[in-house]
Amino acid sequence: MDYQEIDALIRLLDDSDTEVYGQIRDRLLNYGKNAIPFLENAWGGSLDALLQNRIEEVIHDIQFDDLKRELRVWVETGGMDLLRGALLIARYQYPDLQEETVRHQLETIRRDAWLEMNDNLTALEQVHVLNRIFFEIHGFSGNTQHYHAPQNSFVNIALETHKGNPLMLSILYMEVANAAGIPIYGVNLPEHFILCYKENADLSAGITGKILFYINPFSKGDIFNQKEIEQFLQQLKITPDSSYYVPCSNIAMIQRLIRNLMNSYQKLGYLEKVNELEKLLRATAIR
């Protein structure tokens, strides 16, 4: 890596010619994350507002390109680690997010659930234990006051505030359940996101299993059946589809997480963020 060239390029970032700036920006982007420490040092040593703004833009572009690449890799390797997918989306807003810190926070809840489980519990009893740990002991709840806030879609914020939207609560609940050996999966229901308890299932091996019941994490783990989903769809005047009753993939969950964020930022008028998230959504397309 040519450190001298990076320094020289950074000093030219305040060029008044936008075309020249574009060329310099592209050359710095080619260096990727290796250029960020130099850019940050230059930002701290400058009082030039234009230079600082352009440095911030270049750093953001480098981090965004890296995020797209990592998200693409996650999809191409099967999207097996759901939490990893959620962490990548959180890095859009929090690029310096420490993944291990978030995993450690979740591990505490996972351990509490695992310690309470035993082989003699029925499916319903397992979920009642999960509900007590997740909603009563750790205090998670739906963010009804600020339902459309972008923060509800970031896993690190949900773990700090113990609040989230239906999808984020489902992601966390599912992670805790699976760590305790409980077969709970996401269901991509329109206008809402829920979970199902699927007995004797192994989706990776193509074994479908039997759905015993559904769970609504946004309503503190309420349990319900397929007929109630049908009634919900009727109220919304949505034509039923078989996909509304069965587990969806981790990739589908992360795609919906991105769409939720796009909707949140659209409501706030942050159209640049909406456009960037559209690029992240395209990166999750299965090819």
C-alpha atoms as a PDB file:
ATOM      1  CA  MET A   1       0.000   0.000   0.000  1.00  0.00           C
ATOM      2  CA  ASP A   2       1.302   3.435  -0.976  1.00  0.00           C
ATOM      3  CA  TYR A   3       0.958   5.529   2.205  1.00  0.00           C
ATOM      4  CA  GLN A   4       2.495   8.568   0.558  1.00  0.00           C
ATOM      5  CA  GLU A   5      -0.079   8.503  -2.234  1.00  0.00           C
ATOM      6  CA  ILE A   6      -2.925   8.260   0.292  1.00  0.00           C
ATOM      7  CA  ASP A   7      -1.596  11.321   2.143  1.00  0.00           C
ATOM      8  CA  ALA A   8      -1.198  13.209  -1.127  1.00  0.00           C
ATOM      9  CA  LEU A   9      -4.713  12.308  -2.252  1.00  0.00           C
ATOM     10  CA  ILE A  10      -6.221  13.419   1.031  1.00  0.00           C
ATOM     11  CA  ARG A  11      -4.508  16.807   0.794  1.00  0.00           C
ATOM     12  CA  LEU A  12      -6.172  17.285  -2.604  1.00  0.00           C
ATOM     13  CA  LEU A  13      -9.695  16.487  -1.425  1.00  0.00           C
ATOM     14  CA  ASP A  14     -10.576  20.170  -1.048  1.00  0.00           C
ATOM     15  CA  ASP A  15      -9.956  20.865  -4.737  1.00  0.00           C
ATOM     16  CA  SER A  16     -12.593  23.281  -6.062  1.00  0.00           C
ATOM     17  CA  ASP A  17     -13.000  21.254  -9.254  1.00  0.00           C
ATOM     18  CA  THR A  18     -15.699  18.655  -8.536  1.00  0.00           C
ATOM     19  CA  GLU A  19     -14.435  16.431 -11.356  1.00  0.00           C
ATOM     20  CA  VAL A  20     -10.968  16.352  -9.797  1.00  0.00           C
ATOM     21  CA  TYR A  21     -12.558  15.603  -6.414  1.00  0.00           C
ATOM     22  CA  GLY A  22     -14.457  12.702  -7.974  1.00  0.00           C
ATOM     23  CA  GLN A  23     -11.244  11.192  -9.366  1.00  0.00           C
ATOM     24  CA  ILE A  24      -9.445  11.551  -6.027  1.00  0.00           C
ATOM     25  CA  ARG A  25     -12.410  10.045  -4.194  1.00  0.00           C
ATOM     26  CA  ASP A  26     -12.424   7.026  -6.519  1.00  0.00           C
ATOM     27  CA  ARG A  27      -8.710   6.418  -5.994  1.00  0.00           C
ATOM     28  CA  LEU A  28      -9.148   6.540  -2.217  1.00  0.00           C
ATOM     29  CA  LEU A  29     -12.089   4.142  -2.467  1.00  0.00           C
ATOM     30  CA  ASN A  30      -9.767   1.657  -4.172  1.00  0.00           C
ATOM     31  CA  TYR A  31      -7.662   1.550  -0.994  1.00  0.00           C
ATOM     32  CA  GLY A  32     -10.749   0.528   0.981  1.00  0.00           C
ATOM     33  CA  LYS A  33     -10.698   0.327   4.782  1.00  0.00           C
ATOM     34  CA  ASN A  34      -6.906   0.722   4.842  1.00  0.00           C
ATOM     35  CA  ALA A  35      -7.360   4.419   4.001  1.00  0.00           C
ATOM     36  CA  ILE A  36      -9.755   5.169   6.871  1.00  0.00           C
ATOM     37  CA  PRO A  37      -7.126   5.767   9.631  1.00  0.00           C
ATOM     38  CA  PHE A  38      -5.355   8.285   7.380  1.00  0.00           C
ATOM     39  CA  LEU A  39      -8.645  10.006   6.566  1.00  0.00           C
ATOM     40  CA  GLU A  40      -9.605  10.197  10.237  1.00  0.00           C
ATOM     41  CA  ASN A  41      -6.225  11.679  11.171  1.00  0.00           C
ATOM     42  CA  ALA A  42      -6.539  14.283   8.429  1.00  0.00           C
ATOM     43  CA  TRP A  43     -10.058  15.180   9.597  1.00  0.00           C
ATOM     44  CA  GLY A  44      -8.836  15.767  13.154  1.00  0.00           C
ATOM     45  CA  GLY A  45      -5.936  17.913  11.988  1.00  0.00           C
ATOM     46  CA  SER A  46      -7.976  20.207   9.760  1.00  0.00           C
ATOM     47  CA  LEU A  47     -10.158  23.251  10.364  1.00  0.00           C
ATOM     48  CA  ASP A  48     -11.302  23.382   6.743  1.00  0.00           C
ATOM     49  CA  ALA A  49     -15.046  22.621   6.710  1.00  0.00           C
ATOM     50  CA  LEU A  50     -15.034  21.564   3.034  1.00  0.00           C
ATOM     51  CA  LEU A  51     -12.137  19.170   3.559  1.00  0.00           C
ATOM     52  CA  GLN A  52     -13.760  17.692   6.663  1.00  0.00           C
ATOM     53  CA  ASN A  53     -17.080  17.193   4.849  1.00  0.00           C
ATOM     54  CA  ARG A  54     -15.396  15.470   1.929  1.00  0.00           C
ATOM     55  CA  ILE A  55     -13.356  13.251   4.240  1.00  0.00           C
ATOM     56  CA  GLU A  56     -16.592  12.226   5.972  1.00  0.00           C
ATOM     57  CA  GLU A  57     -18.150  11.433   2.591  1.00  0.00           C
ATOM     58  CA  VAL A  58     -15.198   9.285   1.521  1.00  0.00           C
ATOM     59  CA  ILE A  59     -15.132   7.394   4.830  1.00  0.00           C
ATOM     60  CA  HIS A  60     -18.874   6.736   4.553  1.00  0.00           C
ATOM     61  CA  ASP A  61     -18.508   5.522   0.962  1.00  0.00           C
ATOM     62  CA  ILE A  62     -15.656   3.167   1.905  1.00  0.00           C
ATOM     63  CA  GLN A  63     -17.632   1.740   4.821  1.00  0.00           C
ATOM     64  CA  PHE A  64     -20.770   1.390   2.715  1.00  0.00           C
ATOM     65  CA  ASP A  65     -18.948  -0.452  -0.086  1.00  0.00           C
ATOM     66  CA  ASP A  66     -17.405  -2.784   2.489  1.00  0.00           C
ATOM     67  CA  LEU A  67     -20.829  -3.391   4.047  1.00  0.00           C
ATOM     68  CA  LYS A  68     -22.347  -4.284   0.666  1.00  0.00           C
ATOM     69  CA  ARG A  69     -19.529  -6.738   0.052  1.00  0.00           C
ATOM     70  CA  GLU A  70     -19.913  -8.430   3.454  1.00  0.00           C
ATOM     71  CA  LEU A  71     -23.688  -8.624   3.056  1.00  0.00           C
ATOM     72  CA  ARG A  72     -23.241 -10.224  -0.353  1.00  0.00           C
ATOM     73  CA  VAL A  73     -20.843 -12.791   1.137  1.00  0.00           C
ATOM     74  CA  TRP A  74     -23.362 -13.542   3.915  1.00  0.00           C
ATOM     75  CA  VAL A  75     -26.067 -14.231   1.334  1.00  0.00           C
ATOM     76  CA  GLU A  76     -23.825 -16.314  -0.936  1.00  0.00           C
ATOM     77  CA  THR A  77     -22.774 -18.514   2.000  1.00  0.00           C
ATOM     78  CA  GLY A  78     -26.403 -19.297   2.814  1.00  0.00           C
ATOM     79  CA  GLY A  79     -27.253 -16.647   5.413  1.00  0.00           C
ATOM     80  CA  MET A  80     -27.053 -19.277   8.143  1.00  0.00           C
ATOM     81  CA  ASP A  81     -26.146 -16.890  10.982  1.00  0.00           C
ATOM     82  CA  LEU A  82     -29.251 -14.696  11.382  1.00  0.00           C
ATOM     83  CA  LEU A  83     -27.636 -12.511  14.031  1.00  0.00           C
ATOM     84  CA  ARG A  84     -24.729 -11.829  11.688  1.00  0.00           C
ATOM     85  CA  GLY A  85     -27.185 -10.558   9.084  1.00  0.00           C
ATOM     86  CA  ALA A  86     -28.876  -8.272  11.626  1.00  0.00           C
ATOM     87  CA  LEU A  87     -25.484  -6.982  12.771  1.00  0.00           C
ATOM     88  CA  LEU A  88     -24.513  -6.113   9.215  1.00  0.00           C
ATOM     89  CA  ILE A  89     -27.670  -4.028   8.820  1.00  0.00           C
ATOM     90  CA  ALA A  90     -26.965  -2.278  12.139  1.00  0.00           C
ATOM     91  CA  ARG A  91     -23.532  -1.361  10.809  1.00  0.00           C
ATOM     92  CA  TYR A  92     -25.217   0.777   8.163  1.00  0.00           C
ATOM     93  CA  GLN A  93     -26.046   3.305  10.881  1.00  0.00           C
ATOM     94  CA  TYR A  94     -23.323   2.307  13.351  1.00  0.00           C
ATOM     95  CA  PRO A  95     -20.234   1.469  11.241  1.00  0.00           C
ATOM     96  CA  ASP A  96     -17.989   1.089  14.308  1.00  0.00           C
ATOM     97  CA  LEU A  97     -20.348  -1.383  15.979  1.00  0.00           C
ATOM     98  CA  GLN A  98     -18.489  -4.070  17.927  1.00  0.00           C
ATOM     99  CA  GLU A  99     -20.067  -7.393  16.985  1.00  0.00           C
ATOM    100  CA  GLU A 100     -18.696  -9.258  19.998  1.00  0.00           C
ATOM    101  CA  THR A 101     -20.293  -6.756  22.395  1.00  0.00           C
ATOM    102  CA  VAL A 102     -23.729  -7.430  20.901  1.00  0.00           C
ATOM    103  CA  ARG A 103     -23.184 -11.184  20.893  1.00  0.00           C
ATOM    104  CA  HIS A 104     -22.162 -11.046  24.553  1.00  0.00           C
ATOM    105  CA  GLN A 105     -25.340  -9.131  25.459  1.00  0.00           C
ATOM    106  CA  LEU A 106     -27.485 -11.727  23.732  1.00  0.00           C
ATOM    107  CA  GLU A 107     -25.521 -14.610  25.220  1.00  0.00           C
ATOM    108  CA  THR A 108     -26.678 -13.626  28.712  1.00  0.00           C
ATOM    109  CA  ILE A 109     -30.316 -14.073  27.667  1.00  0.00           C
ATOM    110  CA  ARG A 110     -29.521 -17.284  25.814  1.00  0.00           C
ATOM    111  CA  ARG A 111     -27.845 -18.746  28.889  1.00  0.00           C
ATOM    112  CA  ASP A 112     -30.825 -17.912  31.091  1.00  0.00           C
ATOM    113  CA  ALA A 113     -33.144 -19.700  28.652  1.00  0.00           C
ATOM    114  CA  TRP A 114     -30.884 -22.722  28.257  1.00  0.00           C
ATOM    115  CA  LEU A 115     -30.628 -23.208  32.026  1.00  0.00           C
ATOM    116  CA  GLU A 116     -34.418 -23.312  32.357  1.00  0.00           C
ATOM    117  CA  MET A 117     -34.994 -25.934  29.672  1.00  0.00           C
ATOM    118  CA  ASN A 118     -35.247 -29.690  30.119  1.00  0.00           C
ATOM    119  CA  ASP A 119     -36.375 -32.606  27.965  1.00  0.00           C
ATOM    120  CA  ASN A 120     -39.588 -33.115  29.937  1.00  0.00           C
ATOM    121  CA  LEU A 121     -41.161 -29.801  28.923  1.00  0.00           C
ATOM    122  CA  THR A 122     -43.878 -29.772  26.280  1.00  0.00           C
ATOM    123  CA  ALA A 123     -43.721 -27.325  23.373  1.00  0.00           C
ATOM    124  CA  LEU A 124     -46.146 -24.968  25.118  1.00  0.00           C
ATOM    125  CA  GLU A 125     -44.227 -25.183  28.379  1.00  0.00           C
ATOM    126  CA  GLN A 126     -40.985 -24.358  26.581  1.00  0.00           C
ATOM    127  CA  VAL A 127     -42.522 -21.224  25.075  1.00  0.00           C
ATOM    128  CA  HIS A 128     -43.990 -20.188  28.440  1.00  0.00           C
ATOM    129  CA  VAL A 129     -40.471 -20.431  29.912  1.00  0.00           C
ATOM    130  CA  LEU A 130     -39.075 -18.403  27.010  1.00  0.00           C
ATOM    131  CA  ASN A 131     -41.761 -15.768  27.462  1.00  0.00           C
ATOM    132  CA  ARG A 132     -41.003 -15.425  31.147  1.00  0.00           C
ATOM    133  CA  ILE A 133     -37.264 -15.007  30.523  1.00  0.00           C
ATOM    134  CA  PHE A 134     -37.518 -12.774  27.468  1.00  0.00           C
ATOM    135  CA  PHE A 135     -40.423 -10.524  28.467  1.00  0.00           C
ATOM    136  CA  GLU A 136     -40.543 -10.630  32.263  1.00  0.00           C
ATOM    137  CA  ILE A 137     -36.964 -11.143  33.430  1.00  0.00           C
ATOM    138  CA  HIS A 138     -35.218  -9.226  30.621  1.00  0.00           C
ATOM    139  CA  GLY A 139     -38.097  -6.819  29.998  1.00  0.00           C
ATOM    140  CA  PHE A 140     -38.412  -6.860  26.210  1.00  0.00           C
ATOM    141  CA  SER A 141     -41.511  -5.255  24.717  1.00  0.00           C
ATOM    142  CA  GLY A 142     -42.851  -3.789  21.509  1.00  0.00           C
ATOM    143  CA  ASN A 143     -42.097  -0.131  20.884  1.00  0.00           C
ATOM    144  CA  THR A 144     -45.689   0.978  20.434  1.00  0.00           C
ATOM    145  CA  GLN A 145     -44.987   4.683  21.038  1.00  0.00           C
ATOM    146  CA  HIS A 146     -42.405   4.962  18.263  1.00  0.00           C
ATOM    147  CA  TYR A 147     -43.386   2.032  16.091  1.00  0.00           C
ATOM    148  CA  HIS A 148     -41.834   3.358  12.860  1.00  0.00           C
ATOM    149  CA  ALA A 149     -38.583   4.688  14.383  1.00  0.00           C
ATOM    150  CA  PRO A 150     -35.471   3.414  12.555  1.00  0.00           C
ATOM    151  CA  GLN A 151     -33.934   2.439  15.906  1.00  0.00           C
ATOM    152  CA  ASN A 152     -36.430  -0.423  16.177  1.00  0.00           C
ATOM    153  CA  SER A 153     -34.639  -2.170  13.316  1.00  0.00           C
ATOM    154  CA  PHE A 154     -31.118  -2.055  14.769  1.00  0.00           C
ATOM    155  CA  VAL A 155     -30.220  -5.099  16.850  1.00  0.00           C
ATOM    156  CA  ASN A 156     -27.725  -3.238  19.058  1.00  0.00           C
ATOM    157  CA  ILE A 157     -30.312  -0.589  19.997  1.00  0.00           C
ATOM    158  CA  ALA A 158     -32.998  -3.220  20.626  1.00  0.00           C
ATOM    159  CA  LEU A 159     -30.658  -5.002  23.041  1.00  0.00           C
ATOM    160  CA  GLU A 160     -29.860  -1.741  24.839  1.00  0.00           C
ATOM    161  CA  THR A 161     -33.433  -0.451  25.136  1.00  0.00           C
ATOM    162  CA  HIS A 162     -35.193  -3.855  25.211  1.00  0.00           C
ATOM    163  CA  LYS A 163     -37.668  -2.478  22.679  1.00  0.00           C
ATOM    164  CA  GLY A 164     -38.224  -3.127  19.011  1.00  0.00           C
ATOM    165  CA  ASN A 165     -40.651  -3.718  16.185  1.00  0.00           C
ATOM    166  CA  PRO A 166     -42.245  -7.139  15.484  1.00  0.00           C
ATOM    167  CA  LEU A 167     -39.404  -8.280  13.234  1.00  0.00           C
ATOM    168  CA  MET A 168     -36.552  -7.265  15.528  1.00  0.00           C
ATOM    169  CA  LEU A 169     -38.217  -8.824  18.581  1.00  0.00           C
ATOM    170  CA  SER A 170     -38.765 -11.970  16.508  1.00  0.00           C
ATOM    171  CA  ILE A 171     -35.092 -12.082  15.502  1.00  0.00           C
ATOM    172  CA  LEU A 172     -33.941 -11.809  19.112  1.00  0.00           C
ATOM    173  CA  TYR A 173     -36.576 -14.239  20.423  1.00  0.00           C
ATOM    174  CA  MET A 174     -35.699 -16.756  17.711  1.00  0.00           C
ATOM    175  CA  GLU A 175     -31.980 -16.481  18.486  1.00  0.00           C
ATOM    176  CA  VAL A 176     -32.629 -17.166  22.175  1.00  0.00           C
ATOM    177  CA  ALA A 177     -34.982 -20.058  21.392  1.00  0.00           C
ATOM    178  CA  ASN A 178     -32.654 -21.756  18.914  1.00  0.00           C
ATOM    179  CA  ALA A 179     -29.721 -21.501  21.320  1.00  0.00           C
ATOM    180  CA  ALA A 180     -31.873 -23.384  23.857  1.00  0.00           C
ATOM    181  CA  GLY A 181     -32.674 -26.061  21.270  1.00  0.00           C
ATOM    182  CA  ILE A 182     -36.257 -24.927  20.646  1.00  0.00           C
ATOM    183  CA  PRO A 183     -37.417 -25.189  16.990  1.00  0.00           C
ATOM    184  CA  ILE A 184     -38.829 -21.727  16.411  1.00  0.00           C
ATOM    185  CA  TYR A 185     -38.769 -20.050  12.984  1.00  0.00           C
ATOM    186  CA  GLY A 186     -39.771 -16.748  11.412  1.00  0.00           C
ATOM    187  CA  VAL A 187     -42.999 -16.361   9.426  1.00  0.00           C
ATOM    188  CA  ASN A 188     -43.149 -13.529   6.877  1.00  0.00           C
ATOM    189  CA  LEU A 189     -46.745 -12.455   7.451  1.00  0.00           C
ATOM    190  CA  PRO A 190     -47.879  -9.267   5.627  1.00  0.00           C
ATOM    191  CA  GLU A 191     -48.149  -6.170   7.837  1.00  0.00           C
ATOM    192  CA  HIS A 192     -46.741  -8.123  10.784  1.00  0.00           C
ATOM    193  CA  PHE A 193     -43.984 -10.596  11.588  1.00  0.00           C
ATOM    194  CA  ILE A 194     -44.528 -13.662  13.741  1.00  0.00           C
ATOM    195  CA  LEU A 195     -42.885 -16.946  14.697  1.00  0.00           C
ATOM    196  CA  CYS A 196     -43.913 -20.579  14.583  1.00  0.00           C
ATOM    197  CA  TYR A 197     -43.049 -23.651  16.624  1.00  0.00           C
ATOM    198  CA  LYS A 198     -42.218 -26.347  14.073  1.00  0.00           C
ATOM    199  CA  GLU A 199     -41.834 -29.845  15.495  1.00  0.00           C
ATOM    200  CA  ASN A 200     -39.255 -32.287  14.066  1.00  0.00           C
ATOM    201  CA  ALA A 201     -38.117 -29.829  11.418  1.00  0.00           C
ATOM    202  CA  ASP A 202     -34.726 -29.538   9.763  1.00  0.00           C
ATOM    203  CA  LEU A 203     -35.102 -26.895   7.075  1.00  0.00           C
ATOM    204  CA  SER A 204     -31.483 -27.198   5.939  1.00  0.00           C
ATOM    205  CA  ALA A 205     -32.098 -30.898   5.207  1.00  0.00           C
ATOM    206  CA  GLY A 206     -35.473 -30.299   3.577  1.00  0.00           C
ATOM    207  CA  ILE A 207     -37.438 -31.842   6.459  1.00  0.00           C
ATOM    208  CA  THR A 208     -40.525 -29.678   6.851  1.00  0.00           C
ATOM    209  CA  GLY A 209     -41.908 -30.946  10.151  1.00  0.00           C
ATOM    210  CA  LYS A 210     -45.245 -29.957  11.662  1.00  0.00           C
ATOM    211  CA  ILE A 211     -46.255 -26.483  12.863  1.00  0.00           C
ATOM    212  CA  LEU A 212     -47.840 -26.789  16.304  1.00  0.00           C
ATOM    213  CA  PHE A 213     -48.691 -23.118  16.856  1.00  0.00           C
ATOM    214  CA  TYR A 214     -47.651 -19.520  16.203  1.00  0.00           C
ATOM    215  CA  ILE A 215     -46.094 -16.915  18.515  1.00  0.00           C
ATOM    216  CA  ASN A 216     -46.413 -13.122  18.494  1.00  0.00           C
ATOM    217  CA  PRO A 217     -43.315 -11.584  20.162  1.00  0.00           C
ATOM    218  CA  PHE A 218     -44.725  -8.072  19.723  1.00  0.00           C
ATOM    219  CA  SER A 219     -47.577  -9.079  22.033  1.00  0.00           C
ATOM    220  CA  LYS A 220     -45.354 -10.600  24.742  1.00  0.00           C
ATOM    221  CA  GLY A 221     -45.341 -14.053  23.178  1.00  0.00           C
ATOM    222  CA  ASP A 222     -49.063 -14.641  22.694  1.00  0.00           C
ATOM    223  CA  ILE A 223     -49.779 -18.060  21.199  1.00  0.00           C
ATOM    224  CA  PHE A 224     -52.338 -18.574  18.418  1.00  0.00           C
ATOM    225  CA  ASN A 225     -53.273 -20.867  15.521  1.00  0.00           C
ATOM    226  CA  GLN A 226     -53.639 -20.770  11.737  1.00  0.00           C
ATOM    227  CA  LYS A 227     -57.306 -19.802  11.872  1.00  0.00           C
ATOM    228  CA  GLU A 228     -56.364 -16.560  13.616  1.00  0.00           C
ATOM    229  CA  ILE A 229     -53.866 -15.779  10.845  1.00  0.00           C
ATOM    230  CA  GLU A 230     -56.651 -16.292   8.316  1.00  0.00           C
ATOM    231  CA  GLN A 231     -58.879 -13.882  10.251  1.00  0.00           C
ATOM    232  CA  PHE A 232     -56.044 -11.339  10.363  1.00  0.00           C
ATOM    233  CA  LEU A 233     -55.620 -11.547   6.576  1.00  0.00           C
ATOM    234  CA  GLN A 234     -59.366 -11.195   6.051  1.00  0.00           C
ATOM    235  CA  GLN A 235     -59.410  -8.015   8.132  1.00  0.00           C
ATOM    236  CA  LEU A 236     -56.644  -6.573   5.961  1.00  0.00           C
ATOM    237  CA  LYS A 237     -58.377  -7.843   2.803  1.00  0.00           C
ATOM    238  CA  ILE A 238     -55.237  -9.716   1.789  1.00  0.00           C
ATOM    239  CA  THR A 239     -55.590 -12.841  -0.317  1.00  0.00           C
ATOM    240  CA  PRO A 240     -54.113 -15.791   1.626  1.00  0.00           C
ATOM    241  CA  ASP A 241     -50.905 -17.328   0.325  1.00  0.00           C
ATOM    242  CA  SER A 242     -49.219 -20.521   1.520  1.00  0.00           C
ATOM    243  CA  SER A 243     -46.022 -18.559   2.305  1.00  0.00           C
ATOM    244  CA  TYR A 244     -47.878 -16.645   5.041  1.00  0.00           C
ATOM    245  CA  TYR A 245     -48.140 -19.767   7.201  1.00  0.00           C
ATOM    246  CA  VAL A 246     -44.727 -21.396   6.919  1.00  0.00           C
ATOM    247  CA  PRO A 247     -41.153 -20.522   7.936  1.00  0.00           C
ATOM    248  CA  CYS A 248     -39.180 -18.099   5.801  1.00  0.00           C
ATOM    249  CA  SER A 249     -35.409 -18.010   5.322  1.00  0.00           C
ATOM    250  CA  ASN A 250     -32.975 -15.900   7.296  1.00  0.00           C
ATOM    251  CA  ILE A 251     -32.242 -14.018   4.075  1.00  0.00           C
ATOM    252  CA  ALA A 252     -35.944 -13.149   3.709  1.00  0.00           C
ATOM    253  CA  MET A 253     -35.929 -11.834   7.291  1.00  0.00           C
ATOM    254  CA  ILE A 254     -32.957  -9.563   6.613  1.00  0.00           C
ATOM    255  CA  GLN A 255     -34.534  -8.358   3.376  1.00  0.00           C
ATOM    256  CA  ARG A 256     -37.646  -7.405   5.327  1.00  0.00           C
ATOM    257  CA  LEU A 257     -35.462  -5.706   7.946  1.00  0.00           C
ATOM    258  CA  ILE A 258     -33.991  -3.538   5.182  1.00  0.00           C
ATOM    259  CA  ARG A 259     -37.455  -2.725   3.819  1.00  0.00           C
ATOM    260  CA  ASN A 260     -38.604  -1.718   7.307  1.00  0.00           C
ATOM    261  CA  LEU A 261     -35.675   0.675   7.543  1.00  0.00           C
ATOM    262  CA  MET A 262     -36.426   2.076   4.103  1.00  0.00           C
ATOM    263  CA  ASN A 263     -39.997   2.740   5.202  1.00  0.00           C
ATOM    264  CA  SER A 264     -38.827   4.406   8.429  1.00  0.00           C
ATOM    265  CA  TYR A 265     -36.404   6.725   6.647  1.00  0.00           C
ATOM    266  CA  GLN A 266     -38.965   7.434   3.916  1.00  0.00           C
ATOM    267  CA  LYS A 267     -41.379   8.719   6.569  1.00  0.00           C
ATOM    268  CA  LEU A 268     -38.618  10.931   7.985  1.00  0.00           C
ATOM    269  CA  GLY A 269     -37.714  12.298   4.554  1.00  0.00           C
ATOM    270  CA  TYR A 270     -34.186  10.843   4.505  1.00  0.00           C
ATOM    271  CA  LEU A 271     -34.291   9.913   0.827  1.00  0.00           C
ATOM    272  CA  GLU A 272     -30.523   9.479   0.506  1.00  0.00           C
ATOM    273  CA  LYS A 273     -30.649   6.744   3.135  1.00  0.00           C
ATOM    274  CA  VAL A 274     -33.592   5.139   1.352  1.00  0.00           C
ATOM    275  CA  ASN A 275     -31.545   5.019  -1.868  1.00  0.00           C
ATOM    276  CA  GLU A 276     -28.555   3.495  -0.090  1.00  0.00           C
ATOM    277  CA  LEU A 277     -30.718   0.873   1.599  1.00  0.00           C
ATOM    278  CA  GLU A 278     -32.157  -0.007  -1.802  1.00  0.00           C
ATOM    279  CA  LYS A 279     -28.590  -0.861  -2.841  1.00  0.00           C
ATOM    280  CA  LEU A 280     -28.196  -3.062   0.252  1.00  0.00           C
ATOM    281  CA  LEU A 281     -31.468  -4.772  -0.607  1.00  0.00           C
ATOM    282  CA  ARG A 282     -30.189  -5.512  -4.111  1.00  0.00           C
ATOM    283  CA  ALA A 283     -27.035  -6.993  -2.547  1.00  0.00           C
ATOM    284  CA  THR A 284     -29.207  -9.577  -0.756  1.00  0.00           C
ATOM    285  CA  ALA A 285     -30.784 -10.869  -3.978  1.00  0.00           C
ATOM    286  CA  ILE A 286     -30.210 -14.588  -4.449  1.00  0.00           C
ATOM    287  CA  ARG A 287     -28.495 -15.183  -7.785  1.00  0.00           C
END
